[in-house]
Amino acid sequence: MAQIIKAFLDPQKISRYFNGIVDVEDISAEWRVVELSASGEIWSESAPNLIALDPTRCDQALIKYELWDGEPPTSNWDESRLGTVHLTSGKVAAISSWSGDTTYNDEFDLGRRDQDWRFEVHRKFLSHEDFTTDIISLVLYKVQFWSPAEIEHQSAETNPHAR
C-alpha cells in the first residue's frame, strides 16, 4: 500500500486569476500555462513543466501538495483528474496572473530533477451552506504526485521475473 512521503499546505490564498502549477525553473511555463487554459469539464491539463487548472467562478483557492511513494488510494473529493507531467527541477509552485503581473506561491520540492511524474488533482468547492461567509467562493485543490519509475522499481523487487 502506498504511503505519503511529505505534504505541504500552502498558507497563502491564491487569487481568482489562478492559472495552475508550474516548475519554478521554467520561465516560459508562466505564459504557457495561460495558453493551455484548462476550462469547463477539462479543468486540468498538463504539458511539460506545468499543470493548468481552472478555478471557475471562485474568488480564491487553497492548494495542498502531497508526495507519495506509489499511487495514492482513491479519494472522495468532489472531482478528480489523473495526469502525467515532466518536471525539469522537480520544484513546483502555484501561480496566478493579472494585468501582466505574475504571483508565485510557496514552492513544493518533489526531490528529483528531470523526471516524469504521475499526478492526481482533486478539486472541491466550498459554499456558505457549509462554511462561514469569509470563505464563500473558495476552491480547494489537493495535488498528489508519485513517480511511475518508483512503482516499476518496487514491482521488480517484489517480482524478480517481471520486466
Protein backbone atom coordinates (compact mmCIF):
# COMPACT_ATOMS: atom_id res chain seq x y z
CA MET A 1 0.00 0.00 0.00
CA ALA A 2 1.31 3.45 -0.95
CA GLN A 3 2.47 5.78 1.79
CA ILE A 4 2.67 9.56 1.87
CA ILE A 5 6.27 10.82 1.95
CA LYS A 6 5.60 14.51 2.59
CA ALA A 7 2.85 17.09 2.32
CA PHE A 8 2.59 20.86 2.25
CA LEU A 9 -0.48 23.08 2.63
CA ASP A 10 0.35 26.42 1.01
CA PRO A 11 -0.75 29.00 3.63
CA GLN A 12 -1.38 31.72 1.03
CA LYS A 13 -4.75 32.06 -0.65
CA ILE A 14 -4.41 32.21 -4.42
CA SER A 15 -6.30 34.96 -6.22
CA ARG A 16 -9.18 34.37 -8.64
CA TYR A 17 -6.69 34.65 -11.51
CA PHE A 18 -5.16 31.28 -10.60
CA ASN A 19 -3.58 29.65 -13.66
CA GLY A 20 -2.13 26.43 -12.31
CA ILE A 21 1.12 24.87 -11.13
CA VAL A 22 4.48 25.35 -12.83
CA ASP A 23 8.06 24.15 -12.48
CA VAL A 24 9.82 27.09 -10.83
CA GLU A 25 12.90 26.89 -13.10
CA ASP A 26 10.96 27.05 -16.40
CA ILE A 27 10.38 30.75 -17.02
CA SER A 28 8.31 30.07 -20.14
CA ALA A 29 5.86 27.93 -18.13
CA GLU A 30 4.17 31.02 -16.66
CA TRP A 31 2.85 32.13 -20.08
CA ARG A 32 2.40 28.60 -21.46
CA VAL A 33 0.07 27.70 -18.55
CA VAL A 34 -2.17 30.62 -19.57
CA GLU A 35 -2.14 29.48 -23.22
CA LEU A 36 -3.10 25.91 -22.25
CA SER A 37 -6.05 27.34 -20.32
CA ALA A 38 -7.99 24.50 -18.75
CA SER A 39 -11.72 25.22 -18.50
CA GLY A 40 -15.14 23.66 -18.15
CA GLU A 41 -15.19 19.87 -17.99
CA ILE A 42 -11.48 19.74 -18.83
CA TRP A 43 -10.46 21.67 -15.71
CA SER A 44 -6.97 20.14 -15.52
CA GLU A 45 -4.47 19.88 -18.39
CA SER A 46 -0.75 19.20 -18.34
CA ALA A 47 2.25 19.91 -20.56
CA PRO A 48 5.98 19.79 -19.81
CA ASN A 49 6.68 21.74 -16.60
CA LEU A 50 3.08 22.78 -15.95
CA ILE A 51 -0.39 21.74 -14.85
CA ALA A 52 -3.12 24.19 -15.92
CA LEU A 53 -6.07 24.36 -13.50
CA ASP A 54 -9.42 26.10 -13.83
CA PRO A 55 -10.80 27.62 -10.61
CA THR A 56 -14.01 28.59 -12.48
CA ARG A 57 -16.08 31.20 -10.67
CA CYS A 58 -14.20 31.17 -7.35
CA ASP A 59 -12.52 34.25 -5.93
CA GLN A 60 -9.74 32.37 -4.13
CA ALA A 61 -8.12 28.94 -3.95
CA LEU A 62 -6.06 26.97 -1.46
CA ILE A 63 -3.71 24.21 -2.52
CA LYS A 64 -2.17 21.23 -0.76
CA TYR A 65 0.66 19.19 -2.27
CA GLU A 66 1.46 15.58 -1.43
CA LEU A 67 4.34 13.33 -2.48
CA TRP A 68 3.62 9.60 -2.38
CA ASP A 69 5.82 6.52 -2.79
CA GLY A 70 3.19 4.95 -5.07
CA GLU A 71 -0.29 5.60 -6.40
CA PRO A 72 -2.43 7.08 -3.59
CA PRO A 73 -5.70 5.43 -2.53
CA THR A 74 -8.95 6.59 -4.10
CA SER A 75 -10.20 9.94 -2.86
CA ASN A 76 -13.75 11.00 -2.00
CA TRP A 77 -13.30 14.62 -3.19
CA ASP A 78 -15.93 16.18 -5.49
CA GLU A 79 -13.80 16.00 -8.64
CA SER A 80 -10.51 14.32 -9.55
CA ARG A 81 -8.32 14.11 -12.66
CA LEU A 82 -5.25 11.98 -13.38
CA GLY A 83 -2.32 13.03 -15.50
CA THR A 84 1.40 12.88 -16.19
CA VAL A 85 3.82 15.80 -16.20
CA HIS A 86 7.56 16.10 -16.87
CA LEU A 87 9.25 18.46 -14.40
CA THR A 88 12.72 19.84 -15.03
CA SER A 89 13.61 20.92 -11.49
CA GLY A 90 11.07 18.90 -9.54
CA LYS A 91 10.11 22.07 -7.68
CA VAL A 92 6.60 23.41 -8.28
CA ALA A 93 4.58 26.45 -7.28
CA ALA A 94 1.02 27.66 -7.90
CA ILE A 95 0.86 30.82 -9.99
CA SER A 96 -1.73 33.45 -10.70
CA SER A 97 -1.59 36.42 -13.03
CA TRP A 98 -3.49 39.64 -13.53
CA SER A 99 -2.73 42.73 -15.58
CA GLY A 100 0.71 41.48 -16.57
CA ASP A 101 1.82 40.68 -13.01
CA THR A 102 2.52 37.06 -12.07
CA THR A 103 2.47 35.84 -8.47
CA TYR A 104 4.26 32.64 -7.43
CA ASN A 105 3.05 30.97 -4.25
CA ASP A 106 5.25 28.85 -1.97
CA GLU A 107 7.40 26.14 -3.54
CA PHE A 108 6.98 22.38 -3.11
CA ASP A 109 10.07 20.24 -3.79
CA LEU A 110 9.47 16.73 -5.10
CA GLY A 111 13.15 15.94 -4.57
CA ARG A 112 14.06 14.77 -8.09
CA ARG A 113 15.14 16.67 -11.18
CA ASP A 114 14.26 15.93 -14.81
CA GLN A 115 11.61 13.28 -14.24
CA ASP A 116 8.11 12.30 -15.34
CA TRP A 117 5.56 12.31 -12.53
CA ARG A 118 2.08 10.86 -12.30
CA PHE A 119 -0.33 13.16 -10.53
CA GLU A 120 -3.91 13.26 -9.40
CA VAL A 121 -5.50 16.61 -8.74
CA HIS A 122 -8.64 16.84 -6.61
CA ARG A 123 -10.95 19.84 -6.54
CA LYS A 124 -13.65 20.78 -4.02
CA PHE A 125 -15.80 23.90 -3.89
CA LEU A 126 -16.84 25.39 -0.55
CA SER A 127 -20.04 27.32 -0.14
CA HIS A 128 -21.85 29.32 2.51
CA GLU A 129 -24.05 26.37 3.47
CA ASP A 130 -21.01 24.54 4.81
CA PHE A 131 -18.67 27.29 6.00
CA THR A 132 -18.56 30.85 7.30
CA THR A 133 -19.05 33.79 4.93
CA ASP A 134 -15.36 34.76 4.88
CA ILE A 135 -14.59 31.73 2.73
CA ILE A 136 -17.52 31.72 0.33
CA SER A 137 -16.35 31.12 -3.22
CA LEU A 138 -13.24 29.24 -2.15
CA VAL A 139 -11.99 26.24 -4.09
CA LEU A 140 -9.65 23.66 -2.55
CA TYR A 141 -7.10 21.67 -4.54
CA LYS A 142 -5.10 18.67 -3.43
CA VAL A 143 -2.36 17.62 -5.85
CA GLN A 144 -0.80 14.22 -5.27
CA PHE A 145 2.44 13.28 -7.05
CA TRP A 146 4.16 9.90 -7.39
CA SER A 147 6.92 8.54 -9.56
CA PRO A 148 5.96 5.89 -12.12
CA ALA A 149 9.62 4.78 -12.01
CA GLU A 150 9.27 4.01 -8.25
CA ILE A 151 6.25 1.80 -8.91
CA GLU A 152 8.13 -0.10 -11.65
CA HIS A 153 11.15 -0.47 -9.33
CA GLN A 154 9.00 -1.74 -6.42
CA SER A 155 7.24 -4.15 -8.79
CA ALA A 156 10.56 -5.57 -9.98
CA GLU A 157 11.71 -6.03 -6.36
CA THR A 158 8.58 -7.95 -5.34
CA ASN A 159 8.51 -9.99 -8.58
CA PRO A 160 12.04 -10.53 -9.90
CA HIS A 161 10.65 -12.13 -13.08
CA ALA A 162 8.62 -9.02 -14.01
CA ARG A 163 10.09 -6.73 -16.64
